[in-house]
Protein backbone atom coordinates (compact mmCIF):
# COMPACT_ATOMS: atom_id res chain seq x y z
CA MET A 1 -77.44 45.53 50.13
CA ARG A 2 -74.77 47.45 48.23
CA ASN A 3 -72.25 44.77 49.09
CA LEU A 4 -74.62 42.06 47.83
CA LEU A 5 -75.10 43.89 44.52
CA ARG A 6 -71.36 44.12 44.06
CA LEU A 7 -71.02 40.41 44.78
CA GLN A 8 -73.72 39.56 42.24
CA LYS A 9 -72.09 41.79 39.62
CA TYR A 10 -68.71 40.19 40.16
CA SER A 11 -70.18 36.69 39.99
CA PHE A 12 -71.99 37.56 36.77
CA LEU A 13 -68.78 38.78 35.14
CA THR A 14 -66.99 35.61 36.20
CA LEU A 15 -69.78 33.44 34.80
CA ALA A 16 -69.72 35.41 31.54
CA ALA A 17 -65.99 34.81 31.16
CA VAL A 18 -66.47 31.09 31.69
CA CYS A 19 -69.27 30.94 29.12
CA LEU A 20 -67.19 32.75 26.51
CA SER A 21 -64.39 30.27 27.03
CA LEU A 22 -66.70 27.28 26.70
CA LEU A 23 -68.15 28.74 23.51
CA GLY A 24 -64.67 28.80 21.98
CA ALA A 25 -64.01 32.53 22.23
CA CYS A 26 -60.31 32.04 21.64
CA PHE A 27 -57.67 34.01 19.82
CA TYR A 28 -54.44 32.65 18.42
CA ARG A 29 -51.42 34.03 16.59
CA VAL A 30 -48.97 32.21 14.34
CA ASN A 31 -45.43 33.46 13.71
CA LEU A 32 -43.59 31.70 10.88
CA GLU A 33 -40.00 32.05 9.74
CA PRO A 34 -39.62 33.17 6.09
CA PRO A 35 -40.47 30.23 3.80
CA VAL A 36 -37.73 28.58 1.75
CA SER A 37 -37.74 26.25 -1.24
CA PRO A 38 -36.18 22.77 -0.96
CA LYS A 39 -32.62 22.46 -2.30
CA VAL A 40 -33.66 19.28 -4.11
CA ASP A 41 -36.71 18.22 -6.10
CA PRO A 42 -38.62 16.00 -3.63
CA GLU A 43 -40.33 14.21 -6.49
CA LYS A 44 -36.95 12.74 -7.48
CA TYR A 45 -36.04 11.83 -3.89
CA GLN A 46 -38.48 9.20 -2.72
CA PRO A 47 -39.31 7.57 -0.38
CA LEU A 48 -39.26 9.76 2.72
CA ALA A 49 -38.88 8.56 6.30
CA LEU A 50 -40.60 10.63 8.97
CA LEU A 51 -38.79 9.98 12.24
CA PRO A 52 -40.60 9.78 15.60
CA ILE A 53 -41.16 13.08 17.39
CA GLN A 54 -39.67 13.21 20.86
CA ASP A 55 -42.16 14.35 23.50
CA ALA A 56 -41.62 17.76 25.05
CA SER A 57 -40.15 17.62 28.53
CA GLY A 58 -42.79 16.70 31.13
CA LEU A 59 -45.55 16.36 28.53
CA PRO A 60 -45.97 12.72 27.50
CA ALA A 61 -47.62 12.08 24.13
CA SER A 62 -47.03 15.66 22.92
CA GLY A 63 -44.79 14.38 20.15
CA SER A 64 -46.52 11.08 19.45
CA ASN A 65 -49.89 12.86 19.10
CA LEU A 66 -48.39 15.21 16.52
CA TYR A 67 -46.74 12.45 14.48
CA PRO A 68 -49.86 11.14 12.67
CA ILE A 69 -50.82 14.71 11.72
CA LEU A 70 -47.52 15.19 9.89
CA LEU A 71 -47.78 11.71 8.41
CA ASP A 72 -51.26 12.39 7.07
CA SER A 73 -50.26 15.76 5.59
CA LEU A 74 -47.27 14.23 3.80
CA GLU A 75 -49.42 11.43 2.40
CA LYS A 76 -51.89 13.99 1.07
CA LYS A 77 -49.01 15.74 -0.68
CA GLY A 78 -48.19 12.49 -2.47
CA TYR A 79 -45.03 11.51 -0.57
CA SER A 80 -44.06 7.85 -0.51
CA LEU A 81 -43.44 7.08 3.18
CA VAL A 82 -41.42 4.43 4.96
CA SER A 83 -43.66 2.64 7.48
CA GLN A 84 -43.68 3.96 11.05
CA SER A 85 -42.94 0.52 12.50
CA GLU A 86 -39.90 0.05 10.26
CA VAL A 87 -38.49 3.46 11.24
CA ALA A 88 -38.96 2.74 14.95
CA SER A 89 -37.42 -0.73 14.61
CA ILE A 90 -34.25 0.53 12.90
CA LEU A 91 -33.73 3.35 15.39
CA GLU A 92 -34.12 0.94 18.30
CA GLU A 93 -31.76 -1.58 16.72
CA MET A 94 -29.09 1.09 16.16
CA ASN A 95 -29.74 2.68 19.59
CA LEU A 96 -30.31 6.11 18.05
CA THR A 97 -32.83 8.91 18.53
CA PRO A 98 -33.93 11.63 16.08
CA LEU A 99 -32.28 14.31 18.25
CA LEU A 100 -28.94 12.49 18.13
CA LEU A 101 -29.15 12.30 14.35
CA LEU A 102 -29.40 16.10 14.12
CA SER A 103 -25.79 16.35 15.30
CA ASP A 104 -24.48 13.15 13.69
CA PRO A 105 -24.67 13.21 9.87
CA ASP A 106 -22.86 9.88 9.53
CA SER A 107 -25.44 8.06 11.66
CA LEU A 108 -28.21 9.88 9.78
CA LYS A 109 -26.86 8.52 6.49
CA LYS A 110 -26.63 5.00 7.94
CA VAL A 111 -30.23 5.12 9.16
CA ALA A 112 -31.40 6.34 5.76
CA GLU A 113 -29.47 3.55 4.06
CA ARG A 114 -31.05 0.90 6.29
CA LEU A 115 -34.49 2.35 5.59
CA LYS A 116 -33.79 2.74 1.87
CA ALA A 117 -35.07 6.32 2.26
CA ARG A 118 -33.78 9.18 0.12
CA LEU A 119 -35.19 11.83 2.44
CA LEU A 120 -35.44 11.98 6.22
CA MET A 121 -37.69 14.40 8.10
CA ILE A 122 -37.06 15.23 11.75
CA ALA A 123 -39.55 17.29 13.75
CA THR A 124 -38.66 18.84 17.11
CA LEU A 125 -40.67 20.64 19.79
CA PRO A 126 -38.40 23.22 21.44
CA GLU A 127 -41.45 24.68 23.19
CA TYR A 128 -44.74 23.10 24.20
CA ARG A 129 -46.48 24.86 27.10
CA GLU A 130 -50.05 24.67 28.26
CA ILE A 131 -51.79 26.44 31.16
CA LYS A 132 -55.14 24.88 32.01
CA SER A 133 -58.15 27.11 32.57
CA ARG A 134 -59.69 26.82 36.03
CA LEU A 135 -62.15 28.27 38.46
CA GLY A 136 -60.73 29.58 41.69
CA SER A 137 -61.46 32.12 44.36
CA GLN A 138 -60.09 35.45 45.49
CA SER A 139 -60.45 37.28 48.79
CA LEU A 140 -61.32 40.97 48.56
CA GLN A 141 -61.95 43.70 51.10
CA MET A 142 -65.41 45.18 50.43
CA TRP A 143 -67.28 48.02 52.12
CA ASP A 144 -70.58 46.91 53.63
CA GLY A 145 -71.76 50.43 54.48
CA GLN A 146 -70.16 50.50 57.91
CA SER A 147 -66.77 48.83 57.59
CA PHE A 148 -64.57 46.78 55.28
CA VAL A 149 -65.26 43.05 55.39
CA GLU A 150 -63.47 40.23 53.61
CA GLN A 151 -65.42 38.47 50.88
CA THR A 152 -64.37 35.36 48.95
CA LEU A 153 -65.46 35.68 45.33
CA PRO A 154 -65.26 33.22 42.44
CA THR A 155 -62.51 33.91 39.93
CA TYR A 156 -61.96 32.50 36.46
CA TYR A 157 -58.38 31.92 35.26
CA GLY A 158 -58.15 31.52 31.48
CA GLY A 159 -55.91 28.93 29.89
CA SER A 160 -53.30 29.39 27.19
CA SER A 161 -51.15 27.38 24.79
CA GLN A 162 -47.78 27.97 23.16
CA VAL A 163 -46.04 25.62 20.72
CA ARG A 164 -42.83 25.99 18.73
CA LEU A 165 -42.24 23.39 16.03
CA ILE A 166 -39.27 22.90 13.70
CA LEU A 167 -39.38 20.63 10.65
CA ARG A 168 -36.06 19.62 9.06
CA MET A 169 -35.67 17.54 5.90
CA PHE A 170 -32.37 15.88 5.01
CA GLU A 171 -31.10 14.34 1.80
CA SER A 172 -29.81 10.89 2.74
CA GLU A 173 -26.75 10.45 0.49
CA LYS A 174 -24.78 13.36 1.98
CA GLY A 175 -26.82 13.92 5.14
CA GLU A 176 -27.39 17.49 3.98
CA LEU A 177 -30.20 19.71 5.28
CA VAL A 178 -32.29 20.52 2.20
CA TRP A 179 -35.42 22.11 3.69
CA MET A 180 -36.53 23.58 7.01
CA SER A 181 -39.67 25.25 8.29
CA GLU A 182 -40.27 26.60 11.78
CA GLY A 183 -42.80 28.67 13.65
CA THR A 184 -44.64 29.40 16.88
CA ILE A 185 -48.33 29.49 17.71
CA ARG A 186 -49.78 31.23 20.77
CA ALA A 187 -53.42 30.82 21.79
CA SER A 188 -55.71 32.06 24.56
CA SER A 189 -56.99 28.52 25.07
CA ASP A 190 -55.70 25.34 26.68
CA ALA A 191 -56.60 23.13 23.67
CA ILE A 192 -52.92 22.71 22.88
CA GLU A 193 -53.27 19.68 20.58
CA THR A 194 -55.61 21.65 18.31
CA TYR A 195 -53.10 24.47 17.93
CA ALA A 196 -50.14 22.13 17.48
CA ARG A 197 -52.07 20.62 14.56
CA LYS A 198 -52.76 24.07 13.07
CA LEU A 199 -49.07 24.96 13.30
CA ALA A 200 -47.92 21.69 11.72
CA GLU A 201 -50.30 22.14 8.80
CA ARG A 202 -49.15 25.73 8.26
CA LEU A 203 -45.48 24.72 8.25
CA LEU A 204 -46.02 21.95 5.72
CA MET A 205 -47.78 24.34 3.35
CA GLY A 206 -44.32 25.46 2.25
CA LEU A 207 -43.28 21.95 1.24
CA PRO A 208 -44.08 21.27 -2.44
CA PRO A 209 -46.32 18.30 -3.21
CA VAL A 210 -45.07 15.18 -4.97
CA HIS A 211 -47.24 13.86 -7.76
CA PRO A 212 -47.97 10.18 -7.11
CA PRO A 213 -47.27 7.76 -9.98
CA SER A 214 -50.22 7.28 -12.27
CA SER A 215 -52.16 4.05 -11.75
CA LYS A 216 -51.98 1.53 -14.58
């Protein structure tokens, strides 16, 4: 009987942990590098080309899912943006990737010239890790009143997410880095896309808006 009560108590605690997770009982923490102001006035350097985001290793769509979030945030800030299809077409034609451009200012300037963009933004994902929550089992030795017996009990393993994102903005004429924002978000949940979005939005808060031209 005592062993049964212990089993019921353990199962109840496991079920409670699962319910809390499903109800969104999640904590997250954001660490941002000190904010900086752009070296140029973005309002005078338009349009901007947002380059594709390379997926994190082993996690397809991690970058492509984040791309429209950055695009939407920049549009809301009033930035004039080169079309996504045009950016992809020029990179493919020149056989270049955003990561290569980070170490090749000359190619960066050539891409900007082809796109007629005065600013280029490159986002990278140095870290993008997700551990899925799951239900499992664990074997324990329990006293049944006479001897120890092995019992298999349900166990809940909570998920987690960790994303590091770096945003770099370059002025196209000299290929100079004029603004950068980076940070990390850690969460006790496996909803990694949600937290990647939160981090991206926080990083772009430090980028000043551009006032769109008044409509005639």
